[in-house]
Amino acid sequence: MAELPEGDDSASRGDLPGAVAAGHTARGTAALKILLYGLNYAPETVGTGRYSGELGAWLAARGHRVKVIAAPPYYPAWRVAPGAKRWWRRETLDDVRVRRCPLWVPRRPRGWSRLLHLASFALSSLPVALWQGLAWRPDVVVAVAPTLAAAPGAWLAARLGGARAWLHLQDFELEAAFGLGIARGGALKRLALRPERCLLRRFARVSSISPAMLRRLEAKGVAPERLVEFRNWVDCQAIRPTPPDAGLRAALALPEGKAIALYSGNLGEKQGLELLVAAARQLARRDDLLFLLVGAGAARERLATEAAGLANLVLRPLVPPEQLNALLSLATLHLLPQRADAADLVLPSKLTGMLASGRPVVATAAAGTGLAAELEGCGLLVPPGDAAALAQAIERLLDRPELAAALGEAARERALARWDRAAILGGFEAALGAALAGAPPPAVATAPTAERKP
């Protein structure tokens, strides 16, 4: 394990939470050199970019030396953020040194265009990754999928630098793309999926975000002793139950006196958001309910067209991160659609904030799926694709406020017990140490089960 050299201030700034003396982490153990390698990173505020950004900043604040290889911010709008250079560049975010590598961003990410999009980043970032492996010699290289296309480069960089190779899957991007019809064609599917099993087996550790996804990895041939459950998380102090913010409600031009059924996040093809439009149409007779869809993504224009003429559904852009808690607290209930063919290929990252906000969740998930297990006792489940059942569940919560309150309280308890950021990231740090020591990975970290009131 590498220690920070004397005088390196990358982890000793007093203005960082948990800042520690150079050379050691907050636990007093030797600091690691960690290379995070993935498509998405801060300042993206939704999905993988948000979690990778928080992970890098947390590890740096703990005293580790962290470098990142990522694309310029482009998600979920599917266009490179204004002001972000399209070519190779360096920047520092939260004491993390970030190397940005260019990529091609299609206007409509489907089929071959999506695969070319992923391949463009894998190719542009490969020389950077190999150089970091050879010259910087990290202790561990953590590849974050999406995109799996960059995983071979991460493994090779680890080999060149004598580092441990760790692969973290936020979703099964290839299977999801074909299952959802985003990509089509037997030849294309075989080309994309054939190398996957061989690649997965080459990493010293493979982690994912739910037990169901770990079982899928084991079925693909990953040895159980190499698997680690590394959940997404939520800061339960920053996201907490609060009264609705009248100022934000006014800023979003939302009418007073209406219950809000909220969806906030990526407006993409994986989510099956057309179901929300169909449910809104079925509940158009209720003048006490507003469907609020907040976000950006490839499906936004299509959703706007489908919702044209509906007075009880509005679309709004993403809010800044500092307003996320206020936005989630506007909800009377949260909506979490998921298509049946995406079950256990992804676990929606937005679930963590929904639970922490202390509001009930209505999700489309079949019994026995990972999402159904996570929501047991703190939300209502309806069959995927069933707009009538979704509308009935929403009405049930509106007409039975005592049930909504009980489910919301249970949701908050679930967030504290299973999704607390400090416990989960601390568990990942321990798993990194175990991997380097050649020890078995520790059990998944969750927060203490004892109730902690918000």
Protein backbone atom coordinates (compact mmCIF):
# COMPACT_ATOMS: atom_id res chain seq x y z
CA MET A 1 0.00 0.00 0.00
CA ALA A 2 1.35 3.39 -0.93
CA GLU A 3 1.54 6.21 1.57
CA LEU A 4 1.19 9.86 0.75
CA PRO A 5 4.53 11.65 0.54
CA GLU A 6 5.42 14.20 3.17
CA GLY A 7 3.92 17.59 2.40
CA ASP A 8 1.24 16.32 -0.06
CA ASP A 9 -1.85 18.35 0.80
CA SER A 10 -4.32 16.31 -1.26
CA ALA A 11 -5.87 14.83 1.88
CA SER A 12 -4.89 17.24 4.63
CA ARG A 13 -6.99 20.29 3.81
CA GLY A 14 -8.80 21.39 6.92
CA ASP A 15 -11.91 22.42 4.97
CA LEU A 16 -12.68 18.86 3.88
CA PRO A 17 -14.92 16.70 6.07
CA GLY A 18 -12.90 13.98 7.74
CA ALA A 19 -9.56 15.55 6.68
CA VAL A 20 -6.62 13.56 8.03
CA ALA A 21 -2.89 13.75 8.23
CA ALA A 22 -0.96 12.94 5.08
CA GLY A 23 0.01 9.30 4.74
CA HIS A 24 -2.90 7.77 6.63
CA THR A 25 -6.65 7.49 6.40
CA ALA A 26 -9.13 8.57 9.03
CA ARG A 27 -8.89 5.03 10.45
CA GLY A 28 -5.12 5.35 10.83
CA THR A 29 -4.39 2.83 8.08
CA ALA A 30 -2.04 3.46 5.18
CA ALA A 31 -3.51 5.57 2.38
CA LEU A 32 -4.16 3.91 -0.97
CA LYS A 33 -3.63 5.08 -4.51
CA ILE A 34 -6.98 4.48 -6.18
CA LEU A 35 -7.74 4.89 -9.87
CA LEU A 36 -11.49 5.18 -10.65
CA TYR A 37 -12.23 4.54 -14.31
CA GLY A 38 -15.70 5.00 -15.70
CA LEU A 39 -17.84 6.85 -18.18
CA ASN A 40 -19.72 9.13 -15.77
CA TYR A 41 -18.50 11.36 -12.94
CA ALA A 42 -19.29 14.59 -11.15
CA PRO A 43 -20.67 17.16 -11.80
CA GLU A 44 -23.38 14.88 -13.21
CA THR A 45 -26.11 14.82 -10.57
CA VAL A 46 -28.10 11.70 -11.47
CA GLY A 47 -27.26 8.04 -11.91
CA THR A 48 -23.76 6.63 -11.98
CA GLY A 49 -22.02 10.01 -12.27
CA ARG A 50 -23.47 11.17 -8.97
CA TYR A 51 -22.40 8.05 -7.09
CA SER A 52 -18.92 7.88 -8.63
CA GLY A 53 -18.41 11.57 -7.83
CA GLU A 54 -19.45 11.12 -4.21
CA LEU A 55 -17.28 8.01 -3.90
CA GLY A 56 -14.18 9.77 -5.22
CA ALA A 57 -14.67 12.79 -2.96
CA TRP A 58 -15.32 10.59 0.10
CA LEU A 59 -12.22 8.48 -0.47
CA ALA A 60 -10.06 11.58 -0.96
CA ALA A 61 -11.44 13.14 2.21
CA ARG A 62 -10.54 9.93 4.06
CA GLY A 63 -6.90 10.41 3.08
CA HIS A 64 -6.58 8.25 -0.02
CA ARG A 65 -4.99 9.51 -3.22
CA VAL A 66 -7.64 9.30 -5.90
CA LYS A 67 -7.45 9.81 -9.63
CA VAL A 68 -10.35 9.50 -12.05
CA ILE A 69 -10.64 8.80 -15.77
CA ALA A 70 -14.06 9.85 -17.10
CA ALA A 71 -15.87 11.47 -19.99
CA PRO A 72 -16.94 15.12 -19.95
CA PRO A 73 -20.34 15.57 -18.29
CA TYR A 74 -23.13 14.81 -20.77
CA TYR A 75 -25.76 12.76 -18.91
CA PRO A 76 -28.79 12.68 -18.69
CA ALA A 77 -29.27 15.33 -21.41
CA TRP A 78 -27.19 13.32 -23.93
CA ARG A 79 -25.12 16.31 -24.95
CA VAL A 80 -21.81 17.53 -23.59
CA ALA A 81 -22.39 20.20 -20.96
CA PRO A 82 -21.88 23.80 -22.14
CA GLY A 83 -18.35 24.94 -21.38
CA ALA A 84 -16.95 21.42 -21.13
CA LYS A 85 -14.15 20.87 -23.60
CA ARG A 86 -14.59 17.95 -25.96
CA TRP A 87 -10.94 16.91 -25.96
CA TRP A 88 -8.57 15.55 -23.32
CA ARG A 89 -8.20 17.79 -20.29
CA ARG A 90 -7.40 17.72 -16.59
CA GLU A 91 -9.21 19.21 -13.63
CA THR A 92 -9.41 18.82 -9.87
CA LEU A 93 -12.71 18.25 -8.06
CA ASP A 94 -12.78 17.82 -4.27
CA ASP A 95 -9.08 16.98 -4.20
CA VAL A 96 -9.59 14.32 -6.86
CA ARG A 97 -7.55 14.65 -10.05
CA VAL A 98 -9.83 13.99 -13.01
CA ARG A 99 -8.71 13.17 -16.54
CA ARG A 100 -11.51 13.87 -19.04
CA CYS A 101 -11.45 11.86 -22.25
CA PRO A 102 -13.61 12.71 -25.28
CA LEU A 103 -16.50 10.63 -26.56
CA TRP A 104 -19.10 10.76 -29.28
CA VAL A 105 -22.61 11.50 -28.00
CA PRO A 106 -25.41 10.52 -30.41
CA ARG A 107 -28.62 12.51 -30.54
CA ARG A 108 -30.66 9.29 -30.40
CA PRO A 109 -28.72 6.59 -28.48
CA ARG A 110 -30.03 3.35 -29.97
CA GLY A 111 -28.52 0.16 -31.37
CA TRP A 112 -25.22 0.65 -33.14
CA SER A 113 -25.08 4.35 -32.22
CA ARG A 114 -25.17 3.44 -28.51
CA LEU A 115 -22.39 0.86 -28.91
CA LEU A 116 -20.27 3.32 -30.90
CA HIS A 117 -20.86 5.91 -28.20
CA LEU A 118 -19.49 3.53 -25.54
CA ALA A 119 -16.63 2.38 -27.76
CA SER A 120 -15.56 5.98 -28.44
CA PHE A 121 -14.90 6.54 -24.74
CA ALA A 122 -13.19 3.17 -24.34
CA LEU A 123 -10.78 4.00 -27.18
CA SER A 124 -10.07 7.62 -26.21
CA SER A 125 -9.46 6.72 -22.56
CA LEU A 126 -7.36 3.58 -23.11
CA PRO A 127 -3.98 5.36 -23.55
CA VAL A 128 -4.69 7.49 -20.46
CA ALA A 129 -5.54 4.41 -18.39
CA LEU A 130 -2.45 2.51 -19.52
CA TRP A 131 -0.21 5.47 -18.77
CA GLN A 132 -1.69 5.87 -15.28
CA GLY A 133 -1.12 2.17 -14.65
CA LEU A 134 2.51 2.34 -15.74
CA ALA A 135 3.54 5.76 -14.42
CA TRP A 136 1.38 6.27 -11.31
CA ARG A 137 1.16 2.59 -10.31
CA PRO A 138 -2.07 2.65 -8.31
CA ASP A 139 -2.81 0.09 -5.62
CA VAL A 140 -6.23 -0.65 -7.07
CA VAL A 141 -8.03 0.16 -10.32
CA VAL A 142 -11.81 0.36 -9.92
CA ALA A 143 -13.68 0.15 -13.22
CA VAL A 144 -17.28 1.37 -13.02
CA ALA A 145 -19.82 0.06 -15.52
CA PRO A 146 -21.36 1.63 -17.44
CA THR A 147 -19.43 1.25 -19.49
CA LEU A 148 -18.24 -2.33 -19.64
CA ALA A 149 -16.45 -1.38 -22.88
CA ALA A 150 -13.74 0.30 -20.81
CA ALA A 151 -13.29 -2.67 -18.46
CA PRO A 152 -10.60 -4.41 -20.59
CA GLY A 153 -8.50 -1.25 -20.45
CA ALA A 154 -8.97 -1.04 -16.68
CA TRP A 155 -7.86 -4.65 -16.25
CA LEU A 156 -4.82 -4.12 -18.46
CA ALA A 157 -3.88 -0.91 -16.62
CA ALA A 158 -4.04 -2.83 -13.34
CA ARG A 159 -1.84 -5.60 -14.76
CA LEU A 160 0.75 -3.11 -16.04
CA GLY A 161 0.88 -1.32 -12.69
CA GLY A 162 0.76 -4.38 -10.45
CA ALA A 163 -2.59 -3.24 -9.01
CA ARG A 164 -5.69 -5.11 -7.95
CA ALA A 165 -8.47 -4.95 -10.56
CA TRP A 166 -12.00 -4.28 -9.28
CA LEU A 167 -15.11 -4.11 -11.48
CA HIS A 168 -18.26 -2.42 -10.15
CA LEU A 169 -21.50 -2.85 -12.10
CA GLN A 170 -24.24 -0.29 -11.62
CA ASP A 171 -26.34 -2.18 -14.15
CA PHE A 172 -26.13 -4.88 -16.78
CA GLU A 173 -26.06 -2.29 -19.53
CA LEU A 174 -25.82 -4.64 -22.49
CA GLU A 175 -28.56 -7.03 -21.41
CA ALA A 176 -30.78 -4.11 -20.47
CA ALA A 177 -30.26 -2.46 -23.85
CA PHE A 178 -31.27 -5.60 -25.75
CA GLY A 179 -34.04 -6.55 -23.33
CA LEU A 180 -35.63 -3.13 -23.57
CA GLY A 181 -35.33 -2.89 -27.34
CA ILE A 182 -32.83 -0.01 -27.17
CA ALA A 183 -30.50 -2.24 -29.20
CA ARG A 184 -31.66 -4.97 -31.59
CA GLY A 185 -30.24 -7.71 -33.76
CA GLY A 186 -28.95 -11.19 -33.05
CA ALA A 187 -25.52 -10.55 -34.53
CA LEU A 188 -25.14 -7.33 -32.58
CA LYS A 189 -26.17 -9.06 -29.35
CA ARG A 190 -23.70 -11.91 -29.84
CA LEU A 191 -20.91 -9.44 -30.63
CA ALA A 192 -21.63 -7.46 -27.48
CA LEU A 193 -22.26 -10.28 -24.98
CA ARG A 194 -19.80 -12.99 -26.03
CA PRO A 195 -16.71 -11.50 -24.30
CA GLU A 196 -18.61 -10.62 -21.12
CA ARG A 197 -18.21 -13.88 -19.19
CA CYS A 198 -14.49 -14.09 -19.85
CA LEU A 199 -14.00 -10.46 -18.84
CA LEU A 200 -15.95 -10.76 -15.58
CA ARG A 201 -13.80 -13.66 -14.42
CA ARG A 202 -10.54 -11.73 -14.81
CA PHE A 203 -11.20 -9.19 -12.05
CA ALA A 204 -10.05 -9.85 -8.49
CA ARG A 205 -13.30 -8.37 -7.19
CA VAL A 206 -16.64 -7.83 -8.91
CA SER A 207 -19.28 -5.82 -7.09
CA SER A 208 -22.83 -4.76 -7.77
CA ILE A 209 -25.64 -2.95 -6.03
CA SER A 210 -28.15 -5.63 -5.01
CA PRO A 211 -28.31 -9.29 -4.00
CA ALA A 212 -30.29 -10.13 -7.16
CA MET A 213 -27.57 -8.64 -9.35
CA LEU A 214 -24.88 -10.56 -7.45
CA ARG A 215 -26.78 -13.78 -8.09
CA ARG A 216 -26.82 -12.92 -11.76
CA LEU A 217 -23.04 -12.39 -11.70
CA GLU A 218 -22.54 -15.78 -10.04
CA ALA A 219 -24.67 -17.35 -12.77
CA LYS A 220 -22.31 -15.76 -15.30
CA GLY A 221 -19.40 -17.62 -13.75
CA VAL A 222 -17.96 -15.17 -11.21
CA ALA A 223 -16.70 -17.08 -8.18
CA PRO A 224 -18.71 -16.27 -5.02
CA GLU A 225 -15.56 -15.41 -3.06
CA ARG A 226 -14.85 -12.60 -5.54
CA LEU A 227 -18.29 -11.00 -5.26
CA VAL A 228 -18.99 -7.93 -3.13
CA GLU A 229 -22.32 -6.23 -2.52
CA PHE A 230 -21.63 -2.50 -2.83
CA ARG A 231 -24.95 -0.71 -2.62
CA ASN A 232 -25.77 2.77 -3.73
CA TRP A 233 -26.40 5.08 -0.82
CA VAL A 234 -28.03 8.23 0.45
CA ASP A 235 -26.91 10.88 2.90
CA CYS A 236 -29.72 10.49 5.42
CA GLN A 237 -28.86 13.82 7.02
CA ALA A 238 -29.06 15.77 3.77
CA ILE A 239 -32.16 13.93 2.51
CA ARG A 240 -34.74 13.78 5.28
CA PRO A 241 -38.45 14.34 5.82
CA THR A 242 -39.30 18.04 5.79
CA PRO A 243 -42.49 20.01 5.16
CA PRO A 244 -43.11 20.96 1.51
CA ASP A 245 -41.12 24.02 0.40
CA ALA A 246 -43.55 26.70 -0.73
CA GLY A 247 -40.75 28.64 -2.43
CA LEU A 248 -39.70 25.74 -4.62
CA ARG A 249 -43.32 24.93 -5.39
CA ALA A 250 -43.78 28.49 -6.63
CA ALA A 251 -40.50 28.41 -8.58
CA LEU A 252 -41.67 25.28 -10.39
CA ALA A 253 -45.05 26.93 -11.10
CA LEU A 254 -47.00 24.17 -9.38
CA PRO A 255 -50.59 24.86 -8.36
CA GLU A 256 -51.47 25.00 -4.67
CA GLY A 257 -53.74 22.50 -2.99
CA LYS A 258 -52.87 19.47 -5.11
CA ALA A 259 -51.22 16.24 -4.05
CA ILE A 260 -48.04 15.57 -6.02
CA ALA A 261 -47.09 12.21 -7.50
CA LEU A 262 -43.38 12.76 -8.20
CA TYR A 263 -40.89 11.14 -10.51
CA SER A 264 -37.43 12.72 -10.49
CA GLY A 265 -34.44 11.45 -12.44
CA ASN A 266 -33.38 10.30 -15.87
CA LEU A 267 -36.13 10.49 -18.49
CA GLY A 268 -34.76 7.55 -20.46
CA GLU A 269 -35.96 4.42 -22.20
CA LYS A 270 -35.17 1.98 -19.38
CA GLN A 271 -37.78 3.39 -17.03
CA GLY A 272 -41.02 2.80 -18.90
CA LEU A 273 -42.17 6.35 -18.18
CA GLU A 274 -44.98 6.17 -20.73
CA LEU A 275 -46.85 4.26 -18.00
CA LEU A 276 -46.97 7.42 -15.90
CA VAL A 277 -48.59 9.29 -18.76
CA ALA A 278 -51.18 6.53 -19.10
CA ALA A 279 -51.91 6.60 -15.35
CA ALA A 280 -52.25 10.38 -15.44
CA ARG A 281 -54.76 10.04 -18.25
CA GLN A 282 -56.80 7.56 -16.18
CA LEU A 283 -56.79 9.92 -13.19
CA ALA A 284 -57.53 13.09 -15.13
CA ARG A 285 -60.93 13.26 -13.41
CA ARG A 286 -59.27 14.02 -10.06
CA ASP A 287 -58.68 17.71 -9.55
CA ASP A 288 -56.64 17.13 -6.37
CA LEU A 289 -53.66 15.40 -8.03
CA LEU A 290 -50.72 16.51 -10.15
CA PHE A 291 -48.15 14.24 -11.78
CA LEU A 292 -44.74 15.96 -11.65
CA LEU A 293 -41.94 14.54 -13.82
CA VAL A 294 -38.58 16.22 -13.15
CA GLY A 295 -35.52 15.38 -15.23
CA ALA A 296 -33.85 15.19 -18.60
CA GLY A 297 -33.03 12.40 -20.98
CA ALA A 298 -33.47 10.72 -24.33
CA ALA A 299 -37.22 10.12 -23.86
CA ARG A 300 -38.20 13.63 -22.74
CA GLU A 301 -39.48 14.87 -26.08
CA ARG A 302 -41.51 11.73 -26.64
CA LEU A 303 -43.06 11.99 -23.18
CA ALA A 304 -43.95 15.64 -23.75
CA THR A 305 -45.72 14.68 -26.96
CA GLU A 306 -47.61 11.80 -25.31
CA ALA A 307 -48.67 14.05 -22.41
CA ALA A 308 -49.90 16.90 -24.61
CA GLY A 309 -53.34 17.98 -23.48
CA LEU A 310 -53.09 16.49 -19.99
CA ALA A 311 -53.70 19.21 -17.42
CA ASN A 312 -52.65 16.96 -14.52
CA LEU A 313 -49.10 16.23 -15.72
CA VAL A 314 -46.19 18.65 -15.99
CA LEU A 315 -42.51 18.20 -16.89
CA ARG A 316 -39.81 20.27 -15.26
CA PRO A 317 -35.98 20.32 -15.58
CA LEU A 318 -33.66 18.89 -12.96
CA VAL A 319 -33.14 21.05 -9.88
CA PRO A 320 -29.66 21.85 -8.46
CA PRO A 321 -28.33 19.27 -5.96
CA GLU A 322 -28.82 21.66 -3.07
CA GLN A 323 -32.57 21.70 -3.80
CA LEU A 324 -32.98 17.94 -4.07
CA ASN A 325 -34.28 17.48 -0.53
CA ALA A 326 -36.81 20.27 -1.03
CA LEU A 327 -37.94 18.66 -4.29
CA LEU A 328 -38.37 15.19 -2.78
CA SER A 329 -40.30 16.71 0.11
CA LEU A 330 -42.82 18.22 -2.30
CA ALA A 331 -44.01 14.69 -3.03
CA THR A 332 -47.13 13.25 -1.54
CA LEU A 333 -45.90 9.98 -3.00
CA HIS A 334 -43.06 8.86 -5.25
CA LEU A 335 -43.44 6.99 -8.54
CA LEU A 336 -40.88 4.37 -9.53
CA PRO A 337 -41.69 2.69 -12.84
CA GLN A 338 -39.56 -0.15 -14.14
CA ARG A 339 -40.18 -2.24 -17.22
CA ALA A 340 -40.55 -5.98 -16.69
CA ASP A 341 -37.68 -6.77 -19.03
CA ALA A 342 -35.33 -4.61 -16.90
CA ALA A 343 -36.02 -6.53 -13.68
CA ASP A 344 -32.78 -7.39 -11.86
CA LEU A 345 -30.70 -5.89 -14.67
CA VAL A 346 -30.83 -2.54 -12.89
CA LEU A 347 -31.89 -1.30 -9.46
CA PRO A 348 -33.01 2.32 -9.85
CA SER A 349 -30.57 4.61 -8.07
CA LYS A 350 -33.31 7.14 -7.35
CA LEU A 351 -34.85 4.70 -4.86
CA THR A 352 -32.42 5.79 -2.13
CA GLY A 353 -33.59 9.41 -2.03
CA MET A 354 -37.25 8.41 -2.26
CA LEU A 355 -36.95 6.25 0.84
CA ALA A 356 -34.89 8.78 2.81
CA SER A 357 -37.46 11.53 2.16
CA GLY A 358 -40.01 9.63 4.21
CA ARG A 359 -42.67 9.45 1.51
CA PRO A 360 -44.42 6.29 0.27
CA VAL A 361 -43.34 4.77 -3.04
CA VAL A 362 -45.50 3.19 -5.74
CA ALA A 363 -43.35 0.97 -7.96
CA THR A 364 -43.96 -1.31 -10.91
CA ALA A 365 -42.20 -4.55 -10.02
CA ALA A 366 -43.05 -8.22 -10.07
CA ALA A 367 -42.92 -10.27 -6.89
CA GLY A 368 -39.54 -11.90 -6.35
CA THR A 369 -37.51 -9.19 -8.06
CA GLY A 370 -34.82 -7.19 -6.34
CA LEU A 371 -36.87 -3.99 -6.42
CA ALA A 372 -39.87 -5.76 -4.86
CA ALA A 373 -37.66 -7.02 -2.04
CA GLU A 374 -36.28 -3.56 -1.32
CA LEU A 375 -39.77 -2.03 -1.12
CA GLU A 376 -41.44 -4.73 0.93
CA GLY A 377 -43.31 -3.03 3.78
CA CYS A 378 -42.56 0.54 2.72
CA GLY A 379 -44.33 0.93 -0.62
CA LEU A 380 -46.99 -0.42 -2.95
CA LEU A 381 -46.17 -2.72 -5.85
CA VAL A 382 -48.13 -3.08 -9.07
CA PRO A 383 -47.44 -5.26 -12.12
CA PRO A 384 -45.11 -3.70 -14.69
CA GLY A 385 -46.96 -2.19 -17.63
CA ASP A 386 -50.34 -2.07 -15.85
CA ALA A 387 -51.50 1.56 -15.95
CA ALA A 388 -54.86 0.77 -14.34
CA ALA A 389 -53.20 -0.93 -11.36
CA LEU A 390 -50.78 1.98 -11.01
CA ALA A 391 -53.66 4.48 -10.99
CA GLN A 392 -55.52 2.42 -8.39
CA ALA A 393 -52.45 2.29 -6.11
CA ILE A 394 -52.00 6.07 -6.36
CA GLU A 395 -55.67 6.60 -5.47
CA ARG A 396 -55.35 4.20 -2.57
CA LEU A 397 -52.63 6.33 -1.00
CA LEU A 398 -54.48 9.57 -1.70
CA ASP A 399 -57.68 8.28 -0.13
CA ARG A 400 -55.98 6.61 2.84
CA PRO A 401 -53.58 9.18 4.31
CA GLU A 402 -52.95 6.99 7.36
CA LEU A 403 -51.60 4.24 5.08
CA ALA A 404 -49.46 6.77 3.21
CA ALA A 405 -48.04 8.08 6.50
CA ALA A 406 -47.24 4.58 7.79
CA LEU A 407 -45.51 3.58 4.56
CA GLY A 408 -43.57 6.85 4.51
CA GLU A 409 -42.31 6.28 8.04
CA ALA A 410 -41.31 2.72 7.11
CA ALA A 411 -39.50 4.06 4.03
CA ARG A 412 -37.42 6.38 6.20
CA GLU A 413 -36.57 3.51 8.55
CA ARG A 414 -35.53 1.40 5.56
CA ALA A 415 -33.21 4.12 4.28
CA LEU A 416 -31.54 4.42 7.68
CA ALA A 417 -31.17 0.65 8.01
CA ARG A 418 -29.96 -0.30 4.54
CA TRP A 419 -28.85 2.74 2.57
CA ASP A 420 -26.91 5.07 4.89
CA ARG A 421 -23.90 6.59 3.11
CA ALA A 422 -21.36 6.46 5.95
CA ALA A 423 -21.91 2.74 6.60
CA ILE A 424 -21.87 1.72 2.95
CA LEU A 425 -18.80 3.72 1.95
CA GLY A 426 -17.01 2.60 5.10
CA GLY A 427 -17.78 -0.98 4.12
CA PHE A 428 -16.36 -0.39 0.64
CA GLU A 429 -13.18 1.05 2.11
CA ALA A 430 -12.83 -2.07 4.27
CA ALA A 431 -13.43 -4.27 1.23
CA LEU A 432 -10.67 -2.45 -0.66
CA GLY A 433 -8.26 -3.20 2.19
CA ALA A 434 -9.33 -6.84 2.25
CA ALA A 435 -8.83 -7.18 -1.50
CA LEU A 436 -5.30 -5.83 -1.27
CA ALA A 437 -4.53 -8.12 1.66
CA GLY A 438 -5.88 -11.14 -0.18
CA ALA A 439 -8.55 -11.63 2.47
CA PRO A 440 -12.20 -12.52 1.80
CA PRO A 441 -14.48 -9.52 1.30
CA PRO A 442 -16.37 -8.39 4.42
CA ALA A 443 -20.14 -8.73 4.64
CA VAL A 444 -22.20 -6.00 3.01
CA ALA A 445 -22.27 -2.87 5.13
CA THR A 446 -25.56 -1.38 6.20
CA ALA A 447 -26.50 1.11 8.86
CA PRO A 448 -27.43 -0.10 12.34
CA THR A 449 -30.94 -1.49 12.38
CA ALA A 450 -31.91 0.45 15.50
CA GLU A 451 -34.21 3.32 14.63
CA ARG A 452 -32.75 6.80 14.44
CA LYS A 453 -35.36 9.51 14.27
CA PRO A 454 -34.92 12.14 11.53
